[in-house]
Amino acid sequence: MNLIEQIERAGVVGCGGAGFPTHRKLKGTFEYFIANGAECEPCLRHDRWLMKNRAREIVQAMDAICRELSIPHAVIALKDHYKEEAEALEAAARAEGSSVTLCRMDSFYPAGDEMACVYEVTGRVVPPAGIPAAVGAVVDNVATIYAIWEAMQGTAFTRKYLTVTGEVNRPSVLHVPVGTPLAKCIELAGGEKDGEHVYLTGGPMMGIPVPKDKMADAAVTKTTGGILVLPKDSYHGAAPDVRRMLSRARSACIQCTTCSQLCPRHMLGHPLQPHMIMRKMAVAGTLDDIRNRLDDPVLQTASLCCECGICEVYACPMGLNPRRINGLIKGELRNAGFRWQNADGAFFEAHPEREMRKAPTDKVAARAGVYRYNKYEDLPFIEYDPGQ
């Protein structure tokens, strides 16, 4: 059985959020194997814990993949201020005689976005709606790579590393079985503090809200990267309904273009300009209007949005919802069977001001109302075995 077959048998999927089967992702010819250790979202810490405490296993798995697929370059991309993590990884590479190198990136959001990660490491722009393989790269989260190492030992992917933080008494990094109730994870982190709360799985920018009445049945999956308990009056407490969201876009957007100036996809040269989509809301102000205008080339660019939230959490001075509107249009385009197609021979180049327009992670966390949960450097580690 070769390594790719071991990975398939172990059931390894991407731990960064999408959950794509790893054995399928690793089929192809690549020039770069990139380990994503940037921990994209504020507040999450389990990838940093793995890089400090499982560095040798990560390096061994990367070496094994590169041998299996004849990949010449293996790079771990992480933020420059991850000093202890970098030291642990470099020491592991030396001890293994490995050619794995590090790419130290600025601390910006979303540094862990796959397309941003590829550009930082290789200087190549992944085409709009494309995948890293289009520029000779394959990217896996460091937690996924650790799961590959476990697969090499014959261990199936049945346990998950995740962060539990926010309004809990002991923010922690957990290692729990898939299927562990979210409520149990919060209990392991010391339980909730007093007050009314909202719950997210994932990070504060792209996390998925879990209604309180669903918490009793909600459980950890292979893609759960974090559990956040946040105050009820936070940004995440109540999303505006569609009618109000579109009405505000139509009446209050001042066309300042800041959402486009800071859009990570636009900064990579992709033809996405959120302010232009917001302009369209002046004439397409209802959901039915949008459905009747899906052939509009500007609205079609919404399909390129990664929904990182920079536009509405960090950029918009009017407190509007470009990200949610883009997501709404993306859903309608998907239902209509639309797929973005690049012109033959199209070439994409990053914006010359990209370096100046990176959004600092701490400032993004402050705008999202989670700055106080983003200042932990080390969190306690809890291994949970329910015994059944």
Protein backbone atom coordinates (compact mmCIF):
# COMPACT_ATOMS: atom_id res chain seq x y z
CA MET A 1 0.00 0.00 0.00
CA ASN A 2 1.51 3.36 -0.97
CA LEU A 3 1.26 6.53 1.08
CA ILE A 4 -1.68 8.01 -0.85
CA GLU A 5 -3.63 4.79 -0.28
CA GLN A 6 -2.77 4.95 3.44
CA ILE A 7 -4.11 8.50 3.58
CA GLU A 8 -7.33 7.43 1.86
CA ARG A 9 -7.80 4.43 4.15
CA ALA A 10 -7.28 6.64 7.21
CA GLY A 11 -10.03 9.01 6.06
CA VAL A 12 -7.88 12.14 6.14
CA VAL A 13 -9.57 15.33 4.95
CA GLY A 14 -8.49 18.96 5.00
CA CYS A 15 -8.55 20.36 8.52
CA GLY A 16 -8.51 23.99 7.39
CA GLY A 17 -12.27 24.13 6.86
CA ALA A 18 -13.22 22.82 3.40
CA GLY A 19 -12.76 19.15 4.27
CA PHE A 20 -11.65 18.08 0.79
CA PRO A 21 -10.35 14.47 0.76
CA THR A 22 -6.57 14.70 1.07
CA HIS A 23 -5.77 11.67 -1.06
CA ARG A 24 -7.55 13.32 -3.99
CA LYS A 25 -5.84 16.65 -3.42
CA LEU A 26 -2.42 14.99 -3.59
CA LYS A 27 -2.98 13.43 -7.00
CA GLY A 28 -0.97 15.34 -9.59
CA THR A 29 2.43 16.80 -10.34
CA PHE A 30 3.57 19.65 -8.13
CA GLU A 31 6.60 21.89 -7.72
CA TYR A 32 5.70 23.10 -4.21
CA PHE A 33 4.23 21.30 -1.22
CA ILE A 34 3.10 24.04 1.18
CA ALA A 35 2.15 23.45 4.80
CA ASN A 36 -0.24 26.20 5.87
CA GLY A 37 0.65 27.14 9.44
CA ALA A 38 -0.60 30.73 9.31
CA GLU A 39 -3.72 29.94 11.41
CA CYS A 40 -5.84 32.27 9.29
CA GLU A 41 -8.54 33.25 11.79
CA PRO A 42 -7.89 35.38 14.88
CA CYS A 43 -8.28 33.61 18.26
CA LEU A 44 -7.44 30.08 17.08
CA ARG A 45 -4.31 28.45 18.51
CA HIS A 46 -4.32 24.70 17.80
CA ASP A 47 -2.15 24.91 14.67
CA ARG A 48 0.45 26.82 16.67
CA TRP A 49 0.29 24.15 19.36
CA LEU A 50 0.91 21.44 16.76
CA MET A 51 3.87 23.27 15.24
CA LYS A 52 5.47 23.63 18.68
CA ASN A 53 4.67 20.18 19.98
CA ARG A 54 4.46 17.96 16.89
CA ALA A 55 7.10 19.62 14.72
CA ARG A 56 9.10 16.47 14.02
CA GLU A 57 6.02 14.54 12.92
CA ILE A 58 4.98 17.40 10.59
CA VAL A 59 8.44 17.48 8.98
CA GLN A 60 8.52 13.67 8.63
CA ALA A 61 5.12 13.66 6.90
CA MET A 62 6.15 16.45 4.53
CA ASP A 63 9.33 14.60 3.60
CA ALA A 64 7.33 11.42 2.97
CA ILE A 65 4.85 13.21 0.69
CA CYS A 66 7.66 14.90 -1.26
CA ARG A 67 9.40 11.55 -1.78
CA GLU A 68 6.16 9.86 -2.81
CA LEU A 69 5.20 12.55 -5.34
CA SER A 70 8.70 13.76 -6.32
CA ILE A 71 7.98 17.32 -5.18
CA PRO A 72 11.20 19.37 -5.15
CA HIS A 73 10.17 22.13 -2.70
CA ALA A 74 8.57 21.71 0.75
CA VAL A 75 7.72 24.94 2.58
CA ILE A 76 5.95 25.65 5.87
CA ALA A 77 4.23 29.06 5.72
CA LEU A 78 3.69 30.71 9.10
CA LYS A 79 3.54 34.21 10.54
CA ASP A 80 6.79 35.95 11.38
CA HIS A 81 5.91 36.45 15.05
CA TYR A 82 5.49 32.69 15.58
CA LYS A 83 9.00 32.55 17.02
CA GLU A 84 8.76 29.40 19.15
CA GLU A 85 6.93 27.54 16.39
CA ALA A 86 9.61 28.47 13.85
CA GLU A 87 12.39 27.38 16.21
CA ALA A 88 10.70 24.01 16.81
CA LEU A 89 10.20 23.39 13.10
CA GLU A 90 13.75 24.39 12.18
CA ALA A 91 15.15 22.14 14.90
CA ALA A 92 13.01 19.26 13.62
CA ALA A 93 14.17 19.82 10.04
CA ARG A 94 17.81 19.77 11.16
CA ALA A 95 17.30 16.62 13.23
CA GLU A 96 15.64 14.86 10.28
CA GLY A 97 18.14 16.09 7.71
CA SER A 98 15.14 17.53 5.90
CA SER A 99 15.05 20.08 3.09
CA VAL A 100 11.82 21.58 4.47
CA THR A 101 12.12 25.38 4.68
CA LEU A 102 10.04 28.11 6.31
CA CYS A 103 8.31 31.11 4.76
CA ARG A 104 7.77 33.79 7.41
CA MET A 105 4.79 35.92 6.44
CA ASP A 106 3.51 39.20 7.85
CA SER A 107 0.77 38.97 10.45
CA PHE A 108 -2.18 39.90 8.27
CA TYR A 109 -5.66 38.55 7.69
CA PRO A 110 -6.28 36.33 5.78
CA ALA A 111 -2.66 35.09 5.59
CA GLY A 112 -3.92 31.52 5.86
CA ASP A 113 -6.15 31.85 2.80
CA GLU A 114 -4.90 29.23 0.36
CA MET A 115 -4.44 31.65 -2.54
CA ALA A 116 -2.67 34.22 -0.35
CA CYS A 117 -0.44 31.49 1.04
CA VAL A 118 0.59 30.32 -2.43
CA TYR A 119 1.42 33.87 -3.51
CA GLU A 120 3.49 34.55 -0.39
CA VAL A 121 5.55 31.38 -0.94
CA THR A 122 5.87 31.26 -4.72
CA GLY A 123 5.06 34.74 -6.02
CA ARG A 124 2.51 33.11 -8.34
CA VAL A 125 -1.15 34.11 -8.55
CA VAL A 126 -3.67 31.27 -8.56
CA PRO A 127 -6.22 32.14 -11.28
CA PRO A 128 -9.72 33.24 -10.21
CA ALA A 129 -11.86 30.24 -9.20
CA GLY A 130 -8.75 28.09 -9.70
CA ILE A 131 -6.78 25.82 -7.39
CA PRO A 132 -3.09 25.98 -6.39
CA ALA A 133 -2.28 23.07 -8.73
CA ALA A 134 -2.77 25.55 -11.60
CA VAL A 135 0.54 27.19 -10.57
CA GLY A 136 2.30 23.98 -9.53
CA ALA A 137 1.48 24.02 -5.81
CA VAL A 138 -0.50 21.95 -3.34
CA VAL A 139 -1.41 23.28 0.10
CA ASP A 140 -2.34 21.38 3.24
CA ASN A 141 -3.03 22.69 6.71
CA VAL A 142 -0.46 21.63 9.34
CA ALA A 143 -3.15 19.71 11.22
CA THR A 144 -3.90 17.79 8.02
CA ILE A 145 -0.20 17.02 7.65
CA TYR A 146 -0.07 15.71 11.20
CA ALA A 147 -3.06 13.49 10.34
CA ILE A 148 -1.02 12.24 7.37
CA TRP A 149 1.78 11.31 9.78
CA GLU A 150 -0.75 9.40 11.89
CA ALA A 151 -1.98 7.63 8.75
CA MET A 152 1.63 6.56 8.13
CA GLN A 153 1.50 4.87 11.56
CA GLY A 154 -1.77 3.12 10.68
CA THR A 155 -3.96 5.45 12.76
CA ALA A 156 -7.30 6.52 11.29
CA PHE A 157 -8.39 10.16 11.38
CA THR A 158 -10.94 9.97 14.18
CA ARG A 159 -9.74 12.73 16.55
CA LYS A 160 -9.63 16.48 16.08
CA TYR A 161 -7.45 19.29 17.40
CA LEU A 162 -9.44 22.47 18.03
CA THR A 163 -9.47 25.69 20.03
CA VAL A 164 -12.23 26.60 22.50
CA THR A 165 -12.12 30.26 23.48
CA GLY A 166 -14.14 33.41 24.07
CA GLU A 167 -16.43 33.68 27.09
CA VAL A 168 -15.20 30.46 28.70
CA ASN A 169 -13.37 30.14 31.99
CA ARG A 170 -10.31 28.34 30.65
CA PRO A 171 -9.62 28.87 26.92
CA SER A 172 -7.91 25.68 25.74
CA VAL A 173 -6.61 23.60 22.89
CA LEU A 174 -8.47 20.27 22.86
CA HIS A 175 -7.83 16.91 21.22
CA VAL A 176 -11.16 15.14 21.12
CA PRO A 177 -12.89 12.36 19.16
CA VAL A 178 -14.95 13.35 16.16
CA GLY A 179 -18.54 13.33 17.39
CA THR A 180 -17.78 14.93 20.78
CA PRO A 181 -20.69 17.27 21.67
CA LEU A 182 -19.80 20.97 21.40
CA ALA A 183 -21.28 21.44 24.86
CA LYS A 184 -18.79 18.91 26.24
CA CYS A 185 -15.91 20.81 24.62
CA ILE A 186 -17.09 24.01 26.29
CA GLU A 187 -17.31 22.14 29.58
CA LEU A 188 -13.72 20.93 29.15
CA ALA A 189 -12.70 24.57 28.69
CA GLY A 190 -14.08 25.42 32.11
CA GLY A 191 -17.65 26.15 31.05
CA GLU A 192 -19.24 29.40 29.97
CA LYS A 193 -18.93 32.63 31.90
CA ASP A 194 -22.11 34.31 33.09
CA GLY A 195 -24.24 36.07 30.51
CA GLU A 196 -26.07 35.48 27.25
CA HIS A 197 -23.91 34.10 24.47
CA VAL A 198 -23.78 33.18 20.79
CA TYR A 199 -21.79 30.21 19.51
CA LEU A 200 -19.61 29.78 16.43
CA THR A 201 -17.75 26.83 15.00
CA GLY A 202 -14.58 28.05 13.34
CA GLY A 203 -13.12 31.51 13.78
CA PRO A 204 -14.69 34.92 14.41
CA MET A 205 -14.53 36.07 10.77
CA MET A 206 -15.79 33.07 8.81
CA GLY A 207 -17.19 30.89 11.56
CA ILE A 208 -20.61 29.25 11.31
CA PRO A 209 -23.20 30.32 13.92
CA VAL A 210 -24.80 27.53 15.92
CA PRO A 211 -28.25 28.50 17.29
CA LYS A 212 -28.54 27.99 21.02
CA ASP A 213 -31.43 25.55 20.58
CA LYS A 214 -29.19 23.41 18.32
CA MET A 215 -26.25 23.21 20.71
CA ALA A 216 -27.54 20.10 22.43
CA ASP A 217 -27.24 18.14 19.17
CA ALA A 218 -24.17 19.85 17.66
CA ALA A 219 -20.93 17.87 17.63
CA VAL A 220 -17.32 18.08 16.48
CA THR A 221 -16.76 17.09 12.85
CA LYS A 222 -13.56 16.52 10.89
CA THR A 223 -13.62 20.17 9.80
CA THR A 224 -14.35 21.81 13.17
CA GLY A 225 -11.39 24.09 13.84
CA GLY A 226 -12.68 26.04 16.80
CA ILE A 227 -15.59 26.74 19.12
CA LEU A 228 -16.13 30.38 20.05
CA VAL A 229 -18.46 31.53 22.80
CA LEU A 230 -19.13 35.24 22.30
CA PRO A 231 -21.34 37.85 23.97
CA LYS A 232 -24.86 38.01 22.57
CA ASP A 233 -24.44 41.68 21.62
CA SER A 234 -21.34 40.97 19.52
CA TYR A 235 -21.11 41.47 15.76
CA HIS A 236 -22.09 37.81 15.34
CA GLY A 237 -25.23 38.05 17.46
CA ALA A 238 -27.84 38.86 14.83
CA ALA A 239 -27.28 39.04 11.09
CA PRO A 240 -29.65 41.45 9.28
CA ASP A 241 -32.41 39.86 7.23
CA VAL A 242 -32.04 39.88 3.45
CA ARG A 243 -34.54 42.68 2.80
CA ARG A 244 -32.92 45.02 5.33
CA MET A 245 -29.41 44.15 4.17
CA LEU A 246 -30.22 44.95 0.53
CA SER A 247 -32.14 48.08 1.46
CA ARG A 248 -29.17 49.41 3.43
CA ALA A 249 -26.83 48.60 0.56
CA ARG A 250 -29.07 50.53 -1.82
CA SER A 251 -29.47 53.58 0.41
CA ALA A 252 -26.23 53.92 2.39
CA CYS A 253 -23.29 52.75 0.23
CA ILE A 254 -21.12 55.83 -0.42
CA GLN A 255 -18.98 54.15 -3.11
CA CYS A 256 -15.77 54.90 -1.20
CA THR A 257 -14.20 51.76 -2.79
CA THR A 258 -12.47 50.82 0.50
CA CYS A 259 -13.98 47.32 0.38
CA SER A 260 -12.33 46.76 -2.99
CA GLN A 261 -9.05 48.39 -1.97
CA LEU A 262 -8.68 45.92 0.91
CA CYS A 263 -10.25 42.85 -0.72
CA PRO A 264 -7.65 40.03 -0.64
CA ARG A 265 -8.91 38.59 -3.93
CA HIS A 266 -8.83 41.98 -5.67
CA MET A 267 -5.31 42.52 -4.33
CA LEU A 268 -4.26 39.28 -6.05
CA GLY A 269 -5.45 40.70 -9.36
CA HIS A 270 -8.79 38.89 -9.50
CA PRO A 271 -11.64 40.81 -11.22
CA LEU A 272 -13.65 41.18 -8.00
CA GLN A 273 -14.62 44.67 -6.83
CA PRO A 274 -17.14 44.53 -3.98
CA HIS A 275 -17.98 48.23 -4.32
CA MET A 276 -19.17 47.62 -7.88
CA ILE A 277 -21.44 44.83 -6.68
CA MET A 278 -22.78 47.17 -3.99
CA ARG A 279 -23.42 49.78 -6.72
CA LYS A 280 -25.58 47.24 -8.52
CA MET A 281 -27.73 47.01 -5.41
CA ALA A 282 -29.05 50.47 -6.26
CA VAL A 283 -30.99 48.90 -9.14
CA ALA A 284 -31.14 45.28 -7.96
CA GLY A 285 -32.53 45.89 -4.53
CA THR A 286 -34.46 42.68 -3.90
CA LEU A 287 -33.66 38.99 -4.07
CA ASP A 288 -35.94 38.58 -7.09
CA ASP A 289 -34.12 41.44 -8.82
CA ILE A 290 -30.82 39.62 -8.26
CA ARG A 291 -32.22 36.37 -9.63
CA ASN A 292 -33.32 38.19 -12.78
CA ARG A 293 -29.88 39.76 -13.28
CA LEU A 294 -27.52 36.80 -12.90
CA ASP A 295 -26.21 37.39 -16.43
CA ASP A 296 -24.72 40.70 -15.25
CA PRO A 297 -20.89 40.38 -15.49
CA VAL A 298 -20.41 42.46 -12.33
CA LEU A 299 -22.75 40.30 -10.25
CA GLN A 300 -21.05 37.19 -11.62
CA THR A 301 -17.74 38.30 -10.05
CA ALA A 302 -19.34 37.64 -6.64
CA SER A 303 -18.58 33.98 -7.35
CA LEU A 304 -14.89 34.82 -6.77
CA CYS A 305 -15.44 36.10 -3.21
CA CYS A 306 -13.82 33.98 -0.49
CA GLU A 307 -16.19 35.54 2.11
CA CYS A 308 -13.29 36.39 4.43
CA GLY A 309 -15.26 39.34 5.87
CA ILE A 310 -12.59 42.04 5.47
CA CYS A 311 -15.01 44.18 3.46
CA GLU A 312 -17.74 44.36 6.09
CA VAL A 313 -15.89 43.84 9.39
CA TYR A 314 -12.80 45.92 8.66
CA ALA A 315 -13.22 48.10 5.56
CA CYS A 316 -16.75 49.50 5.27
CA PRO A 317 -17.18 52.85 7.10
CA MET A 318 -20.96 52.56 6.84
CA GLY A 319 -21.31 49.18 8.54
CA LEU A 320 -22.78 47.52 5.44
CA ASN A 321 -22.62 43.85 4.47
CA PRO A 322 -20.73 43.33 1.19
CA ARG A 323 -19.56 39.87 2.28
CA ARG A 324 -23.07 38.65 3.04
CA ILE A 325 -24.41 40.14 -0.18
CA ASN A 326 -21.64 38.45 -2.16
CA GLY A 327 -22.50 35.18 -0.42
CA LEU A 328 -26.16 35.64 -1.30
CA ILE A 329 -25.34 36.23 -4.97
CA LYS A 330 -22.89 33.30 -4.98
CA GLY A 331 -25.66 31.04 -3.76
CA GLU A 332 -28.02 32.19 -6.50
CA LEU A 333 -25.30 31.77 -9.16
CA ARG A 334 -24.57 28.28 -7.85
CA ASN A 335 -28.25 27.35 -7.96
CA ALA A 336 -28.36 28.58 -11.56
CA GLY A 337 -25.40 26.36 -12.48
CA PHE A 338 -23.00 29.24 -13.15
CA ARG A 339 -19.25 28.49 -13.12
CA TRP A 340 -16.62 31.18 -13.55
CA GLN A 341 -14.51 30.79 -16.69
CA ASN A 342 -11.25 32.64 -17.27
CA ALA A 343 -10.45 33.81 -20.78
CA ASP A 344 -7.96 31.67 -22.67
CA GLY A 345 -4.42 32.79 -21.92
CA ALA A 346 -5.55 35.19 -19.17
CA PHE A 347 -2.70 36.35 -16.94
CA PHE A 348 -3.22 37.62 -13.41
CA GLU A 349 -0.79 39.75 -11.43
CA ALA A 350 -1.00 40.96 -7.84
CA HIS A 351 -1.85 44.61 -7.24
CA PRO A 352 1.30 46.75 -6.82
CA GLU A 353 -0.05 48.14 -3.53
CA ARG A 354 -0.90 44.75 -2.04
CA GLU A 355 1.83 44.90 0.61
CA MET A 356 0.51 48.24 1.90
CA ARG A 357 -3.08 47.07 2.01
CA LYS A 358 -2.71 43.96 4.14
CA ALA A 359 -5.09 44.10 7.11
CA PRO A 360 -3.17 43.52 10.40
CA THR A 361 -4.62 40.56 12.30
CA ASP A 362 -4.82 42.40 15.64
CA LYS A 363 -6.73 45.30 14.09
CA VAL A 364 -9.10 42.92 12.34
CA ALA A 365 -9.68 41.12 15.66
CA ALA A 366 -10.39 44.49 17.33
CA ARG A 367 -12.94 45.46 14.66
CA ALA A 368 -14.59 42.05 15.03
CA GLY A 369 -14.86 42.59 18.80
CA VAL A 370 -12.62 39.64 19.71
CA TYR A 371 -9.30 41.37 20.43
CA ARG A 372 -9.25 40.27 24.06
CA TYR A 373 -9.54 36.63 22.97
CA ASN A 374 -6.69 37.02 20.47
CA LYS A 375 -3.93 37.88 22.94
CA TYR A 376 -3.32 34.42 24.35
CA GLU A 377 0.06 33.04 23.30
CA ASP A 378 -0.14 29.67 25.06
CA LEU A 379 -3.31 27.82 25.95
CA PRO A 380 -3.56 24.70 28.13
CA PHE A 381 -3.81 21.44 26.21
CA ILE A 382 -6.51 18.90 27.07
CA GLU A 383 -6.61 15.34 25.75
CA TYR A 384 -10.15 14.00 26.08
CA ASP A 385 -11.02 10.33 25.94
CA PRO A 386 -14.67 9.61 26.76
CA GLY A 387 -14.04 5.86 27.03
CA GLN A 388 -16.81 4.96 24.59
